[in-house]
Amino acid sequence: MALFPVLFTFIVEINSALMNQLVLRDKAQEYVFRFLGGLTLLGVGIQLFVQSPKTAIFWILVVVFILAAIIFLTLNFGALINRITADRGILTIRWNTKIFKKHLHIDQIAEITEDKRYIRITMKDGSNIRLHVKLMDADKRRAARRFLKENTGL
């Protein structure tokens, strides 16, 4: 019978520390990339009818075109999707203008400011992280700022 309170406490602890996540997608950019992927696959189809499959360059081009189409259709393997995650005191930022994810401790954030071009996160050690929002819609900029405000308290 002593197992039930421990299990109940564990379940409540897990549920109280849920991860918050905001995903921002640029629909126009998505449509352009998906169109380019479809166009690339169409090029592969045309190449199958026009070129001779007996040559090695034909197969190299087919493989390269199919790989390019996969990259376009998957939106560069998800790298063009902006994602902000707050989990257990760590803010993880995956932004399409950054190569790597940024992991920031929420208690180390000094301030968050915003203008028309950037959302700037200033850390207590003086370093800055700029999130490029110039080309985003106003509602998406507000959603990102609201998410950061709610999860950091700044």
C-alpha atoms as a PDB file:
ATOM      1  CA  MET A   1       0.000   0.000   0.000  1.00  0.00           C
ATOM      2  CA  ALA A   2       2.954   2.350   0.428  1.00  0.00           C
ATOM      3  CA  LEU A   3       3.618   2.172  -3.305  1.00  0.00           C
ATOM      4  CA  PHE A   4       0.440   4.066  -4.243  1.00  0.00           C
ATOM      5  CA  PRO A   5       1.356   7.444  -2.596  1.00  0.00           C
ATOM      6  CA  VAL A   6       4.859   7.306  -4.088  1.00  0.00           C
ATOM      7  CA  LEU A   7       3.466   6.541  -7.556  1.00  0.00           C
ATOM      8  CA  PHE A   8       0.834   9.288  -7.190  1.00  0.00           C
ATOM      9  CA  THR A   9       3.500  11.816  -6.162  1.00  0.00           C
ATOM     10  CA  PHE A  10       5.655  10.788  -9.140  1.00  0.00           C
ATOM     11  CA  ILE A  11       2.767  11.237 -11.595  1.00  0.00           C
ATOM     12  CA  VAL A  12       1.860  14.657 -10.164  1.00  0.00           C
ATOM     13  CA  GLU A  13       5.513  15.729 -10.337  1.00  0.00           C
ATOM     14  CA  ILE A  14       5.797  14.672 -13.988  1.00  0.00           C
ATOM     15  CA  ASN A  15       2.584  16.473 -14.964  1.00  0.00           C
ATOM     16  CA  SER A  16       3.490  19.689 -13.152  1.00  0.00           C
ATOM     17  CA  ALA A  17       6.762  20.004 -15.089  1.00  0.00           C
ATOM     18  CA  LEU A  18       5.273  19.862 -18.566  1.00  0.00           C
ATOM     19  CA  MET A  19       7.227  21.267 -21.447  1.00  0.00           C
ATOM     20  CA  ASN A  20       5.962  24.438 -23.131  1.00  0.00           C
ATOM     21  CA  GLN A  21       6.667  24.797 -26.816  1.00  0.00           C
ATOM     22  CA  LEU A  22       5.968  27.373 -29.504  1.00  0.00           C
ATOM     23  CA  VAL A  23       6.356  26.449 -33.164  1.00  0.00           C
ATOM     24  CA  LEU A  24       6.280  29.206 -35.767  1.00  0.00           C
ATOM     25  CA  ARG A  25       6.048  28.335 -39.451  1.00  0.00           C
ATOM     26  CA  ASP A  26       6.251  30.653 -42.422  1.00  0.00           C
ATOM     27  CA  LYS A  27       3.526  29.361 -44.763  1.00  0.00           C
ATOM     28  CA  ALA A  28       4.713  31.358 -47.789  1.00  0.00           C
ATOM     29  CA  GLN A  29       8.232  29.973 -47.414  1.00  0.00           C
ATOM     30  CA  GLU A  30       6.769  26.488 -46.995  1.00  0.00           C
ATOM     31  CA  TYR A  31       4.793  26.775 -50.229  1.00  0.00           C
ATOM     32  CA  VAL A  32       7.828  28.020 -52.156  1.00  0.00           C
ATOM     33  CA  PHE A  33      10.004  25.142 -50.923  1.00  0.00           C
ATOM     34  CA  ARG A  34       7.306  22.539 -51.587  1.00  0.00           C
ATOM     35  CA  PHE A  35       6.795  23.978 -55.083  1.00  0.00           C
ATOM     36  CA  LEU A  36      10.537  23.761 -55.768  1.00  0.00           C
ATOM     37  CA  GLY A  37      10.542  20.152 -54.522  1.00  0.00           C
ATOM     38  CA  GLY A  38       7.687  19.263 -56.857  1.00  0.00           C
ATOM     39  CA  LEU A  39       9.414  21.039 -59.721  1.00  0.00           C
ATOM     40  CA  THR A  40      12.596  19.080 -59.035  1.00  0.00           C
ATOM     41  CA  LEU A  41      10.669  15.786 -59.074  1.00  0.00           C
ATOM     42  CA  LEU A  42       9.053  16.864 -62.328  1.00  0.00           C
ATOM     43  CA  GLY A  43      12.577  17.415 -63.681  1.00  0.00           C
ATOM     44  CA  VAL A  44      13.452  13.844 -62.704  1.00  0.00           C
ATOM     45  CA  GLY A  45      10.371  12.579 -64.535  1.00  0.00           C
ATOM     46  CA  ILE A  46      11.209  14.539 -67.667  1.00  0.00           C
ATOM     47  CA  GLN A  47      14.804  13.361 -67.472  1.00  0.00           C
ATOM     48  CA  LEU A  48      13.614   9.735 -67.408  1.00  0.00           C
ATOM     49  CA  PHE A  49      11.901  10.216 -70.774  1.00  0.00           C
ATOM     50  CA  VAL A  50      14.488  12.451 -72.463  1.00  0.00           C
ATOM     51  CA  GLN A  51      17.857  11.032 -71.400  1.00  0.00           C
ATOM     52  CA  SER A  52      19.322   7.610 -72.003  1.00  0.00           C
ATOM     53  CA  PRO A  53      19.440   5.512 -68.805  1.00  0.00           C
ATOM     54  CA  LYS A  54      22.486   3.652 -70.117  1.00  0.00           C
ATOM     55  CA  THR A  55      24.945   6.371 -69.140  1.00  0.00           C
ATOM     56  CA  ALA A  56      26.409   6.875 -65.665  1.00  0.00           C
ATOM     57  CA  ILE A  57      25.791  10.637 -65.697  1.00  0.00           C
ATOM     58  CA  PHE A  58      22.062   9.944 -66.054  1.00  0.00           C
ATOM     59  CA  TRP A  59      21.954   7.995 -62.788  1.00  0.00           C
ATOM     60  CA  ILE A  60      24.120  10.542 -60.991  1.00  0.00           C
ATOM     61  CA  LEU A  61      21.744  13.332 -62.042  1.00  0.00           C
ATOM     62  CA  VAL A  62      18.687  11.310 -61.024  1.00  0.00           C
ATOM     63  CA  VAL A  63      20.124  10.695 -57.547  1.00  0.00           C
ATOM     64  CA  VAL A  64      21.142  14.348 -57.137  1.00  0.00           C
ATOM     65  CA  PHE A  65      17.722  15.601 -58.259  1.00  0.00           C
ATOM     66  CA  ILE A  66      15.903  13.204 -55.914  1.00  0.00           C
ATOM     67  CA  LEU A  67      18.095  14.269 -52.974  1.00  0.00           C
ATOM     68  CA  ALA A  68      17.459  17.938 -53.806  1.00  0.00           C
ATOM     69  CA  ALA A  69      13.709  17.251 -53.963  1.00  0.00           C
ATOM     70  CA  ILE A  70      13.841  15.537 -50.542  1.00  0.00           C
ATOM     71  CA  ILE A  71      15.642  18.539 -49.067  1.00  0.00           C
ATOM     72  CA  PHE A  72      13.075  20.925 -50.546  1.00  0.00           C
ATOM     73  CA  LEU A  73      10.036  18.862 -49.546  1.00  0.00           C
ATOM     74  CA  THR A  74      11.228  18.391 -45.950  1.00  0.00           C
ATOM     75  CA  LEU A  75      11.936  22.128 -45.616  1.00  0.00           C
ATOM     76  CA  ASN A  76      15.656  21.532 -45.237  1.00  0.00           C
ATOM     77  CA  PHE A  77      15.007  18.693 -42.767  1.00  0.00           C
ATOM     78  CA  GLY A  78      12.954  20.995 -40.525  1.00  0.00           C
ATOM     79  CA  ALA A  79      15.611  23.679 -40.218  1.00  0.00           C
ATOM     80  CA  LEU A  80      13.273  26.353 -41.605  1.00  0.00           C
ATOM     81  CA  ILE A  81      10.826  26.009 -38.717  1.00  0.00           C
ATOM     82  CA  ASN A  82      11.254  28.276 -35.691  1.00  0.00           C
ATOM     83  CA  ARG A  83      10.827  26.533 -32.347  1.00  0.00           C
ATOM     84  CA  ILE A  84      11.092  27.841 -28.779  1.00  0.00           C
ATOM     85  CA  THR A  85      10.851  25.338 -25.924  1.00  0.00           C
ATOM     86  CA  ALA A  86      10.804  25.932 -22.170  1.00  0.00           C
ATOM     87  CA  ASP A  87      11.457  22.830 -20.095  1.00  0.00           C
ATOM     88  CA  ARG A  88      12.690  22.548 -16.494  1.00  0.00           C
ATOM     89  CA  GLY A  89      14.260  25.999 -16.352  1.00  0.00           C
ATOM     90  CA  ILE A  90      16.006  25.755 -19.730  1.00  0.00           C
ATOM     91  CA  LEU A  91      14.933  27.732 -22.760  1.00  0.00           C
ATOM     92  CA  THR A  92      15.817  25.970 -26.031  1.00  0.00           C
ATOM     93  CA  ILE A  93      15.720  28.090 -29.169  1.00  0.00           C
ATOM     94  CA  ARG A  94      15.844  26.631 -32.697  1.00  0.00           C
ATOM     95  CA  TRP A  95      15.623  29.555 -35.091  1.00  0.00           C
ATOM     96  CA  ASN A  96      15.899  29.367 -38.863  1.00  0.00           C
ATOM     97  CA  THR A  97      18.699  31.970 -38.936  1.00  0.00           C
ATOM     98  CA  LYS A  98      20.822  30.050 -36.411  1.00  0.00           C
ATOM     99  CA  ILE A  99      22.782  26.934 -37.281  1.00  0.00           C
ATOM    100  CA  PHE A 100      22.632  25.285 -33.869  1.00  0.00           C
ATOM    101  CA  LYS A 101      20.109  25.183 -31.050  1.00  0.00           C
ATOM    102  CA  LYS A 102      20.671  27.591 -28.186  1.00  0.00           C
ATOM    103  CA  HIS A 103      20.133  26.283 -24.651  1.00  0.00           C
ATOM    104  CA  LEU A 104      19.666  29.115 -22.135  1.00  0.00           C
ATOM    105  CA  HIS A 105      19.042  28.866 -18.408  1.00  0.00           C
ATOM    106  CA  ILE A 106      15.964  30.942 -17.684  1.00  0.00           C
ATOM    107  CA  ASP A 107      17.404  32.275 -14.412  1.00  0.00           C
ATOM    108  CA  GLN A 108      20.430  33.627 -16.339  1.00  0.00           C
ATOM    109  CA  ILE A 109      18.295  35.855 -18.605  1.00  0.00           C
ATOM    110  CA  ALA A 110      18.552  39.528 -17.639  1.00  0.00           C
ATOM    111  CA  GLU A 111      16.067  41.075 -20.091  1.00  0.00           C
ATOM    112  CA  ILE A 112      14.147  40.530 -23.294  1.00  0.00           C
ATOM    113  CA  THR A 113      13.611  43.446 -25.668  1.00  0.00           C
ATOM    114  CA  GLU A 114      11.966  43.706 -29.052  1.00  0.00           C
ATOM    115  CA  ASP A 115      12.021  45.991 -32.040  1.00  0.00           C
ATOM    116  CA  LYS A 116      10.842  45.583 -35.637  1.00  0.00           C
ATOM    117  CA  ARG A 117      13.904  43.566 -36.648  1.00  0.00           C
ATOM    118  CA  TYR A 118      14.887  41.439 -33.635  1.00  0.00           C
ATOM    119  CA  ILE A 119      13.844  39.943 -30.357  1.00  0.00           C
ATOM    120  CA  ARG A 120      16.958  40.391 -28.249  1.00  0.00           C
ATOM    121  CA  ILE A 121      17.619  38.196 -25.210  1.00  0.00           C
ATOM    122  CA  THR A 122      20.290  39.655 -22.932  1.00  0.00           C
ATOM    123  CA  MET A 123      21.974  37.287 -20.509  1.00  0.00           C
ATOM    124  CA  LYS A 124      23.345  38.254 -17.078  1.00  0.00           C
ATOM    125  CA  ASP A 125      26.896  37.704 -18.317  1.00  0.00           C
ATOM    126  CA  GLY A 126      26.364  40.397 -20.987  1.00  0.00           C
ATOM    127  CA  SER A 127      25.967  38.186 -24.046  1.00  0.00           C
ATOM    128  CA  ASN A 128      23.093  38.788 -26.476  1.00  0.00           C
ATOM    129  CA  ILE A 129      21.018  36.376 -28.530  1.00  0.00           C
ATOM    130  CA  ARG A 130      19.124  37.995 -31.397  1.00  0.00           C
ATOM    131  CA  LEU A 131      16.150  36.288 -32.989  1.00  0.00           C
ATOM    132  CA  HIS A 132      15.511  37.705 -36.456  1.00  0.00           C
ATOM    133  CA  VAL A 133      11.796  38.565 -36.768  1.00  0.00           C
ATOM    134  CA  LYS A 134      11.834  41.230 -39.476  1.00  0.00           C
ATOM    135  CA  LEU A 135      10.154  39.054 -42.109  1.00  0.00           C
ATOM    136  CA  MET A 136       7.625  37.477 -39.720  1.00  0.00           C
ATOM    137  CA  ASP A 137       3.989  38.504 -39.465  1.00  0.00           C
ATOM    138  CA  ALA A 138       3.084  40.760 -36.550  1.00  0.00           C
ATOM    139  CA  ASP A 139       0.937  38.084 -34.883  1.00  0.00           C
ATOM    140  CA  LYS A 140       3.829  35.607 -34.947  1.00  0.00           C
ATOM    141  CA  ARG A 141       6.183  38.211 -33.467  1.00  0.00           C
ATOM    142  CA  ARG A 142       3.656  38.874 -30.713  1.00  0.00           C
ATOM    143  CA  ALA A 143       3.228  35.138 -30.091  1.00  0.00           C
ATOM    144  CA  ALA A 144       6.988  34.662 -29.716  1.00  0.00           C
ATOM    145  CA  ARG A 145       7.273  37.648 -27.379  1.00  0.00           C
ATOM    146  CA  ARG A 146       4.264  36.500 -25.317  1.00  0.00           C
ATOM    147  CA  PHE A 147       5.715  32.969 -25.046  1.00  0.00           C
ATOM    148  CA  LEU A 148       9.040  34.327 -23.835  1.00  0.00           C
ATOM    149  CA  LYS A 149       7.298  36.665 -21.373  1.00  0.00           C
ATOM    150  CA  GLU A 150       5.135  33.889 -19.921  1.00  0.00           C
ATOM    151  CA  ASN A 151       7.950  31.377 -19.552  1.00  0.00           C
ATOM    152  CA  THR A 152      10.695  33.678 -18.307  1.00  0.00           C
ATOM    153  CA  GLY A 153       8.665  36.172 -16.302  1.00  0.00           C
ATOM    154  CA  LEU A 154      10.386  39.128 -18.004  1.00  0.00           C
END
